[in-house]
């Protein structure tokens, strides 16, 4: 049987930090406004950020009005290699 601490650590691993940024001006929000939230998915992160901004009309805004990224995420550069480079 798992202890409470083990169960809590598993839950903490499932939740990531997300940064939701306004990409296009929406209602009273200006471009560049951002919220940092903890969520399990991008969808949940956007909903939490909208709730923190406190504007219920944001749910009707198109999703391309927002930019979302995991905090601390660094894309890995793609290297072009060919078979003949050996």
C-alpha atoms as a PDB file:
ATOM      1  CA  UNK A   1       0.000   0.000   0.000  1.00  0.00           C
ATOM      2  CA  UNK A   2       1.306   3.456  -0.926  1.00  0.00           C
ATOM      3  CA  UNK A   3       1.893   6.050   1.695  1.00  0.00           C
ATOM      4  CA  UNK A   4       0.387   9.497   1.405  1.00  0.00           C
ATOM      5  CA  UNK A   5       3.814  10.949   0.596  1.00  0.00           C
ATOM      6  CA  UNK A   6       4.341   8.553  -2.346  1.00  0.00           C
ATOM      7  CA  UNK A   7       0.866   9.276  -3.681  1.00  0.00           C
ATOM      8  CA  UNK A   8       1.418  13.042  -3.339  1.00  0.00           C
ATOM      9  CA  UNK A   9       4.776  12.839  -5.175  1.00  0.00           C
ATOM     10  CA  UNK A  10       3.114  11.017  -8.088  1.00  0.00           C
ATOM     11  CA  UNK A  11       0.481  13.736  -8.306  1.00  0.00           C
ATOM     12  CA  UNK A  12       3.116  16.456  -8.277  1.00  0.00           C
ATOM     13  CA  UNK A  13       4.876  14.780 -11.215  1.00  0.00           C
ATOM     14  CA  UNK A  14       1.659  14.780 -13.238  1.00  0.00           C
ATOM     15  CA  UNK A  15       1.245  18.561 -12.900  1.00  0.00           C
ATOM     16  CA  UNK A  16       3.448  20.897 -14.946  1.00  0.00           C
ATOM     17  CA  UNK A  17       3.983  24.651 -14.914  1.00  0.00           C
ATOM     18  CA  UNK A  18       2.546  26.400 -17.968  1.00  0.00           C
ATOM     19  CA  UNK A  19       2.815  29.988 -19.220  1.00  0.00           C
ATOM     20  CA  UNK A  20      -0.252  31.285 -21.056  1.00  0.00           C
ATOM     21  CA  UNK A  21       0.432  34.488 -23.014  1.00  0.00           C
ATOM     22  CA  UNK A  22      -1.995  36.711 -24.906  1.00  0.00           C
ATOM     23  CA  UNK A  23      -0.877  36.660 -28.563  1.00  0.00           C
ATOM     24  CA  UNK A  24      -3.611  38.962 -29.905  1.00  0.00           C
ATOM     25  CA  UNK A  25      -5.487  41.612 -27.887  1.00  0.00           C
ATOM     26  CA  UNK A  26      -8.728  40.197 -26.475  1.00  0.00           C
ATOM     27  CA  UNK A  27     -11.321  42.305 -24.605  1.00  0.00           C
ATOM     28  CA  UNK A  28      -9.376  44.160 -21.881  1.00  0.00           C
ATOM     29  CA  UNK A  29      -6.264  41.990 -22.181  1.00  0.00           C
ATOM     30  CA  UNK A  30      -3.328  43.434 -24.061  1.00  0.00           C
ATOM     31  CA  UNK A  31      -0.827  41.532 -26.150  1.00  0.00           C
ATOM     32  CA  UNK A  32       1.915  40.092 -23.959  1.00  0.00           C
ATOM     33  CA  UNK A  33      -0.135  39.664 -20.771  1.00  0.00           C
ATOM     34  CA  UNK A  34       0.709  36.325 -19.210  1.00  0.00           C
ATOM     35  CA  UNK A  35      -0.368  33.978 -16.447  1.00  0.00           C
ATOM     36  CA  UNK A  36       1.658  31.160 -14.922  1.00  0.00           C
ATOM     37  CA  UNK A  37      -0.464  28.192 -13.865  1.00  0.00           C
ATOM     38  CA  UNK A  38      -0.044  24.585 -12.796  1.00  0.00           C
ATOM     39  CA  UNK A  39      -2.022  22.178 -14.934  1.00  0.00           C
ATOM     40  CA  UNK A  40      -2.030  18.661 -16.360  1.00  0.00           C
ATOM     41  CA  UNK A  41      -2.622  19.705 -19.968  1.00  0.00           C
ATOM     42  CA  UNK A  42      -2.579  22.735 -22.256  1.00  0.00           C
ATOM     43  CA  UNK A  43      -6.377  22.839 -22.303  1.00  0.00           C
ATOM     44  CA  UNK A  44      -6.545  22.937 -18.516  1.00  0.00           C
ATOM     45  CA  UNK A  45      -3.817  25.606 -18.408  1.00  0.00           C
ATOM     46  CA  UNK A  46      -5.782  27.905 -20.732  1.00  0.00           C
ATOM     47  CA  UNK A  47      -8.959  27.452 -18.674  1.00  0.00           C
ATOM     48  CA  UNK A  48      -7.127  28.211 -15.410  1.00  0.00           C
ATOM     49  CA  UNK A  49      -5.491  31.299 -16.911  1.00  0.00           C
ATOM     50  CA  UNK A  50      -8.878  32.566 -18.144  1.00  0.00           C
ATOM     51  CA  UNK A  51     -10.281  32.095 -14.664  1.00  0.00           C
ATOM     52  CA  UNK A  52      -7.362  34.037 -13.140  1.00  0.00           C
ATOM     53  CA  UNK A  53      -7.860  36.908 -15.599  1.00  0.00           C
ATOM     54  CA  UNK A  54     -11.472  37.051 -14.375  1.00  0.00           C
ATOM     55  CA  UNK A  55     -13.186  37.729 -17.708  1.00  0.00           C
ATOM     56  CA  UNK A  56     -15.916  35.167 -18.512  1.00  0.00           C
ATOM     57  CA  UNK A  57     -16.088  36.391 -22.132  1.00  0.00           C
ATOM     58  CA  UNK A  58     -12.588  34.980 -22.778  1.00  0.00           C
ATOM     59  CA  UNK A  59     -14.091  31.518 -23.304  1.00  0.00           C
ATOM     60  CA  UNK A  60     -15.560  32.828 -26.574  1.00  0.00           C
ATOM     61  CA  UNK A  61     -12.174  34.105 -27.781  1.00  0.00           C
ATOM     62  CA  UNK A  62     -10.437  32.065 -30.500  1.00  0.00           C
ATOM     63  CA  UNK A  63      -7.629  29.860 -29.215  1.00  0.00           C
ATOM     64  CA  UNK A  64      -5.120  31.455 -31.604  1.00  0.00           C
ATOM     65  CA  UNK A  65      -5.418  34.556 -29.401  1.00  0.00           C
ATOM     66  CA  UNK A  66      -3.325  32.743 -26.794  1.00  0.00           C
ATOM     67  CA  UNK A  67       0.140  31.250 -26.823  1.00  0.00           C
ATOM     68  CA  UNK A  68       0.903  28.437 -24.409  1.00  0.00           C
ATOM     69  CA  UNK A  69       4.195  26.878 -23.421  1.00  0.00           C
ATOM     70  CA  UNK A  70       5.452  24.576 -20.717  1.00  0.00           C
ATOM     71  CA  UNK A  71       7.687  26.475 -18.355  1.00  0.00           C
ATOM     72  CA  UNK A  72      11.266  25.331 -18.619  1.00  0.00           C
ATOM     73  CA  UNK A  73      10.685  23.566 -21.943  1.00  0.00           C
ATOM     74  CA  UNK A  74      13.599  23.877 -24.345  1.00  0.00           C
ATOM     75  CA  UNK A  75      13.158  22.530 -27.848  1.00  0.00           C
ATOM     76  CA  UNK A  76      15.895  20.225 -29.041  1.00  0.00           C
ATOM     77  CA  UNK A  77      17.557  21.504 -32.222  1.00  0.00           C
ATOM     78  CA  UNK A  78      17.239  19.212 -35.192  1.00  0.00           C
ATOM     79  CA  UNK A  79      20.508  18.369 -36.898  1.00  0.00           C
ATOM     80  CA  UNK A  80      20.571  17.444 -40.519  1.00  0.00           C
ATOM     81  CA  UNK A  81      22.689  14.365 -40.985  1.00  0.00           C
ATOM     82  CA  UNK A  82      23.079  12.141 -43.919  1.00  0.00           C
ATOM     83  CA  UNK A  83      24.267   8.578 -44.208  1.00  0.00           C
ATOM     84  CA  UNK A  84      27.351   9.690 -46.161  1.00  0.00           C
ATOM     85  CA  UNK A  85      28.688  11.884 -43.305  1.00  0.00           C
ATOM     86  CA  UNK A  86      30.391   8.958 -41.591  1.00  0.00           C
END
